[in-house]
Amino acid sequence: MIEVRRLTKLFGDAPAVRDVSFAVSAGELLALVGGSGCGKTTTLRMINRLIEPTSGTVLIEGQDVSALSGHVLRRGIGYVFQRVGLFPHMTVEQNVAVPLSLLGWEAGRMRGRVGEVLELVEIEPALRQRRPAELSGGQQQRVGVARALAAEPKLMLLDEPFGALDPLTRDRLQRSFLRIRKRLGLTAIFVTHDMVEALLLADRIAVMKDGRLVQVGAPQQLLASPADEVVERLLDTPRRQARAFDELMAGVAR
């Protein structure tokens, strides 16, 4: 579905991404994980050409994305990011309809699709005429996901979409997204700094540091054989949480 070949991005003389290559199969979710400044968001944005690469190639279903104009490319890719980016003067329904309007859908078809995706992300009808400021953070993020799904994309790119939410809301949305992705068979690349989130959502995880890929593999592979101390440190948090949970349950059993 997606093939990234030797992708590199320089800002001036400073490399933000260095010679990154990976592939994502249809229906797979790849998580890009790493600390701030590791190049994961820059890599994501080069896939839909929000940032133009200095060198390298991105293929989507075998087509070089550089052959397409940026706006045409992006209309076929769902994109969700942390700050949602809803239009404050528009209602929920109007926000979700924006990509469909840009694609020229007729009004009846557009209304039907907006209702479908809002139901999919569990936004009840009573909220659909509200504006973003009248919604909770979790509700806003659900609307952002609905907008990304509206045009029936095969591919979604998600840039830390749940990072600003409280833990309970974040957990609910992670599980909701997991259900939606599997139901629709979406291919996705998901950027996060949180290894626990990556282990929960991803089929494979790509760890980045200093603009380079350190290790790519299934969650079980990383847990069993971390490539170096960078991956080991990222795995420390989920391991500590797992141990704490085991100790808690053992105490309850006693």
Protein backbone atom coordinates (compact mmCIF):
# COMPACT_ATOMS: atom_id res chain seq x y z
CA MET A 1 0.00 0.00 0.00
CA ILE A 2 2.78 2.43 0.98
CA GLU A 3 6.46 2.24 0.20
CA VAL A 4 8.94 4.81 1.49
CA ARG A 5 12.35 4.70 -0.16
CA ARG A 6 15.39 6.50 1.28
CA LEU A 7 13.37 9.51 2.41
CA THR A 8 15.49 12.46 3.53
CA LYS A 9 14.64 15.98 4.66
CA LEU A 10 17.10 18.78 5.31
CA PHE A 11 16.16 22.10 6.90
CA GLY A 12 19.09 24.21 5.79
CA ASP A 13 22.09 22.02 6.52
CA ALA A 14 20.37 20.20 9.38
CA PRO A 15 18.96 16.74 8.59
CA ALA A 16 15.53 16.13 10.14
CA VAL A 17 15.02 12.76 8.44
CA ARG A 18 17.88 10.64 7.12
CA ASP A 19 17.56 7.90 4.52
CA VAL A 20 14.36 6.35 5.93
CA SER A 21 12.84 3.33 4.16
CA PHE A 22 9.87 1.14 5.10
CA ALA A 23 6.74 -0.40 3.63
CA VAL A 24 3.20 -0.71 4.97
CA SER A 25 0.89 -3.46 3.72
CA ALA A 26 -2.79 -2.95 2.98
CA GLY A 27 -4.83 -3.07 6.19
CA GLU A 28 -1.77 -2.66 8.42
CA LEU A 29 -1.12 0.00 11.05
CA LEU A 30 2.50 1.10 11.46
CA ALA A 31 3.32 3.25 14.48
CA LEU A 32 6.20 5.72 14.20
CA VAL A 33 7.59 6.10 17.71
CA GLY A 34 10.34 8.21 19.22
CA GLY A 35 11.14 11.25 21.31
CA SER A 36 10.62 14.88 20.33
CA GLY A 37 12.72 15.87 17.33
CA CYS A 38 13.35 12.31 16.15
CA GLY A 39 11.78 12.97 12.72
CA LYS A 40 8.56 10.97 13.03
CA THR A 41 6.14 13.83 12.25
CA THR A 42 8.32 15.13 9.43
CA THR A 43 8.33 11.63 7.94
CA LEU A 44 4.54 11.44 8.19
CA ARG A 45 4.06 14.82 6.54
CA MET A 46 6.33 13.92 3.64
CA ILE A 47 4.00 11.03 2.79
CA ASN A 48 1.15 13.39 1.91
CA ARG A 49 3.54 16.19 0.88
CA LEU A 50 2.62 18.67 3.55
CA ILE A 51 6.42 18.78 3.68
CA GLU A 52 8.36 18.20 0.46
CA PRO A 53 11.25 15.75 0.84
CA THR A 54 14.79 16.79 0.00
CA SER A 55 15.30 13.38 -1.61
CA GLY A 56 13.73 9.96 -1.69
CA THR A 57 10.48 8.50 -2.98
CA VAL A 58 7.02 7.75 -1.59
CA LEU A 59 4.81 5.29 -3.46
CA ILE A 60 1.13 4.76 -2.66
CA GLU A 61 -0.33 1.71 -4.40
CA GLY A 62 2.70 1.81 -6.68
CA GLN A 63 2.25 5.45 -7.74
CA ASP A 64 4.95 8.02 -7.02
CA VAL A 65 3.19 10.76 -5.04
CA SER A 66 5.47 13.42 -6.57
CA ALA A 67 3.57 12.91 -9.83
CA LEU A 68 0.37 14.23 -8.22
CA SER A 69 -0.42 17.78 -7.21
CA GLY A 70 -0.37 18.14 -3.43
CA HIS A 71 -4.05 18.99 -2.98
CA VAL A 72 -5.19 16.07 -5.15
CA LEU A 73 -2.97 13.68 -3.19
CA ARG A 74 -4.20 14.92 0.19
CA ARG A 75 -7.88 14.66 -0.72
CA GLY A 76 -7.45 10.91 -1.04
CA ILE A 77 -5.72 10.48 2.35
CA GLY A 78 -7.38 10.83 5.75
CA TYR A 79 -5.33 13.04 8.09
CA VAL A 80 -5.83 13.45 11.84
CA PHE A 81 -3.65 15.51 14.14
CA GLN A 82 -3.46 16.40 17.81
CA ARG A 83 -5.05 19.86 17.75
CA VAL A 84 -7.95 18.62 15.59
CA GLY A 85 -8.14 21.75 13.39
CA LEU A 86 -11.93 22.01 13.24
CA PHE A 87 -13.34 25.22 11.79
CA PRO A 88 -14.74 27.12 14.80
CA HIS A 89 -17.56 28.87 12.89
CA MET A 90 -18.93 25.60 11.45
CA THR A 91 -21.17 22.99 13.05
CA VAL A 92 -20.04 19.41 13.55
CA GLU A 93 -21.86 18.29 10.40
CA GLN A 94 -20.43 21.16 8.35
CA ASN A 95 -16.89 20.37 9.49
CA VAL A 96 -17.21 16.72 8.51
CA ALA A 97 -18.67 17.69 5.13
CA VAL A 98 -15.70 19.90 4.14
CA PRO A 99 -13.65 17.24 2.28
CA LEU A 100 -16.79 15.97 0.52
CA SER A 101 -17.63 19.47 -0.64
CA LEU A 102 -14.10 19.87 -2.01
CA LEU A 103 -14.58 16.62 -3.94
CA GLY A 104 -17.83 17.89 -5.42
CA TRP A 105 -20.24 15.42 -3.83
CA GLU A 106 -23.91 16.27 -4.34
CA ALA A 107 -25.88 17.37 -1.27
CA GLY A 108 -27.94 14.22 -0.64
CA ARG A 109 -24.97 11.88 -0.90
CA MET A 110 -22.96 14.21 1.32
CA ARG A 111 -25.64 14.27 4.05
CA GLY A 112 -25.84 10.48 4.04
CA ARG A 113 -22.09 10.03 4.34
CA VAL A 114 -21.75 12.63 7.12
CA GLY A 115 -24.41 10.80 9.12
CA GLU A 116 -22.64 7.46 8.56
CA VAL A 117 -19.24 8.56 9.81
CA LEU A 118 -20.62 10.49 12.78
CA GLU A 119 -22.51 7.37 13.82
CA LEU A 120 -19.33 5.33 13.32
CA VAL A 121 -17.37 7.55 15.74
CA GLU A 122 -20.32 7.64 18.17
CA ILE A 123 -21.25 11.33 17.95
CA GLU A 124 -24.91 11.40 18.91
CA PRO A 125 -27.41 13.41 16.82
CA ALA A 126 -27.94 15.99 19.59
CA LEU A 127 -24.34 17.19 19.16
CA ARG A 128 -24.24 17.49 15.39
CA GLN A 129 -25.45 21.08 15.14
CA ARG A 130 -23.04 22.31 17.80
CA ARG A 131 -19.85 24.18 17.09
CA PRO A 132 -16.44 22.88 18.24
CA ALA A 133 -16.26 25.17 21.28
CA GLU A 134 -19.43 23.50 22.61
CA LEU A 135 -17.82 20.02 22.58
CA SER A 136 -15.44 18.28 24.96
CA GLY A 137 -11.88 17.55 23.83
CA GLY A 138 -12.74 13.90 23.24
CA GLN A 139 -15.81 14.81 21.20
CA GLN A 140 -13.76 17.22 19.09
CA GLN A 141 -11.21 14.50 18.41
CA ARG A 142 -13.98 12.10 17.34
CA VAL A 143 -15.25 14.72 14.90
CA GLY A 144 -11.71 15.09 13.55
CA VAL A 145 -11.56 11.34 12.94
CA ALA A 146 -15.00 11.45 11.28
CA ARG A 147 -13.83 14.21 8.94
CA ALA A 148 -10.74 12.19 8.01
CA LEU A 149 -12.94 9.17 7.23
CA ALA A 150 -15.60 11.09 5.31
CA ALA A 151 -14.17 10.71 1.81
CA GLU A 152 -13.71 6.94 2.26
CA PRO A 153 -9.89 6.96 2.20
CA LYS A 154 -7.92 3.74 2.00
CA LEU A 155 -5.05 5.37 3.89
CA MET A 156 -5.01 7.40 7.11
CA LEU A 157 -2.16 9.37 8.64
CA LEU A 158 -2.49 10.23 12.33
CA ASP A 159 -0.12 12.61 14.13
CA GLU A 160 -0.44 12.09 17.92
CA PRO A 161 -4.24 12.45 17.67
CA PHE A 162 -4.95 11.51 21.30
CA GLY A 163 -1.91 13.03 22.98
CA ALA A 164 -3.67 16.07 24.50
CA LEU A 165 -6.52 14.11 26.08
CA ASP A 166 -6.94 12.90 29.64
CA PRO A 167 -6.08 9.22 30.21
CA LEU A 168 -9.66 7.91 30.39
CA THR A 169 -10.79 9.74 27.25
CA ARG A 170 -7.62 8.70 25.48
CA ASP A 171 -8.19 5.05 26.35
CA ARG A 172 -11.78 5.16 25.04
CA LEU A 173 -10.72 6.80 21.77
CA GLN A 174 -7.83 4.40 21.24
CA ARG A 175 -10.18 1.45 21.56
CA SER A 176 -12.79 3.12 19.38
CA PHE A 177 -10.21 3.81 16.67
CA LEU A 178 -8.97 0.22 16.85
CA ARG A 179 -12.52 -1.01 16.27
CA ILE A 180 -13.12 1.41 13.39
CA ARG A 181 -9.85 0.59 11.65
CA LYS A 182 -10.45 -3.13 11.75
CA ARG A 183 -14.06 -2.74 10.62
CA LEU A 184 -13.06 -0.61 7.60
CA GLY A 185 -9.78 -2.39 6.81
CA LEU A 186 -7.86 0.89 6.87
CA THR A 187 -4.15 1.18 6.24
CA ALA A 188 -2.67 3.67 8.70
CA ILE A 189 0.54 5.30 9.87
CA PHE A 190 0.24 6.53 13.44
CA VAL A 191 2.77 8.89 15.04
CA THR A 192 3.13 8.75 18.82
CA HIS A 193 5.78 9.29 21.48
CA ASP A 194 3.92 6.81 23.73
CA MET A 195 5.13 3.23 23.43
CA VAL A 196 2.13 1.93 25.41
CA GLU A 197 -0.18 3.43 22.76
CA ALA A 198 1.93 1.93 19.98
CA LEU A 199 1.86 -1.52 21.58
CA LEU A 200 -1.93 -1.31 21.90
CA LEU A 201 -2.72 -0.09 18.38
CA ALA A 202 0.03 -1.15 16.00
CA ASP A 203 0.65 -4.23 13.89
CA ARG A 204 4.28 -3.08 13.60
CA ILE A 205 6.31 -0.36 15.29
CA ALA A 206 9.09 1.74 13.74
CA VAL A 207 11.34 3.39 16.32
CA MET A 208 13.15 6.57 15.24
CA LYS A 209 16.04 8.54 16.71
CA ASP A 210 17.90 11.52 15.25
CA GLY A 211 16.01 11.21 11.97
CA ARG A 212 16.89 7.55 11.42
CA LEU A 213 15.04 4.28 11.82
CA VAL A 214 16.46 2.29 14.73
CA GLN A 215 14.22 -0.80 14.58
CA VAL A 216 11.05 -1.92 12.79
CA GLY A 217 9.09 -4.94 13.91
CA ALA A 218 5.96 -6.39 15.47
CA PRO A 219 5.35 -5.45 19.13
CA GLN A 220 6.39 -8.93 20.26
CA GLN A 221 9.71 -8.62 18.39
CA LEU A 222 10.57 -5.32 20.04
CA LEU A 223 9.64 -6.61 23.48
CA ALA A 224 11.67 -9.80 23.01
CA SER A 225 14.70 -8.35 21.21
CA PRO A 226 15.10 -4.57 21.42
CA ALA A 227 17.77 -3.46 18.94
CA ASP A 228 19.55 -1.04 21.29
CA GLU A 229 19.22 1.09 24.40
CA VAL A 230 16.89 3.57 22.63
CA VAL A 231 14.26 0.88 22.07
CA GLU A 232 14.93 -0.57 25.53
CA ARG A 233 14.24 2.79 27.20
CA LEU A 234 11.02 3.30 25.23
CA LEU A 235 9.85 -0.13 26.42
CA ASP A 236 10.63 0.62 30.07
CA THR A 237 7.28 2.37 30.67
CA PRO A 238 4.98 -0.43 29.44
CA ARG A 239 7.09 -2.99 31.29
CA ARG A 240 6.87 -1.01 34.54
CA GLN A 241 3.11 -0.62 34.07
CA ALA A 242 2.71 -4.35 33.44
CA ARG A 243 4.71 -5.20 36.58
CA ALA A 244 2.68 -2.72 38.65
CA PHE A 245 -0.56 -4.24 37.37
CA ASP A 246 0.64 -7.76 38.18
CA GLU A 247 1.60 -6.68 41.68
CA LEU A 248 -1.77 -4.98 42.18
CA MET A 249 -3.68 -8.08 41.04
CA ALA A 250 -1.54 -10.31 43.26
CA GLY A 251 -2.40 -8.05 46.21
CA VAL A 252 -6.11 -8.22 45.37
CA ALA A 253 -5.91 -12.03 45.17
CA ARG A 254 -4.32 -12.21 48.64
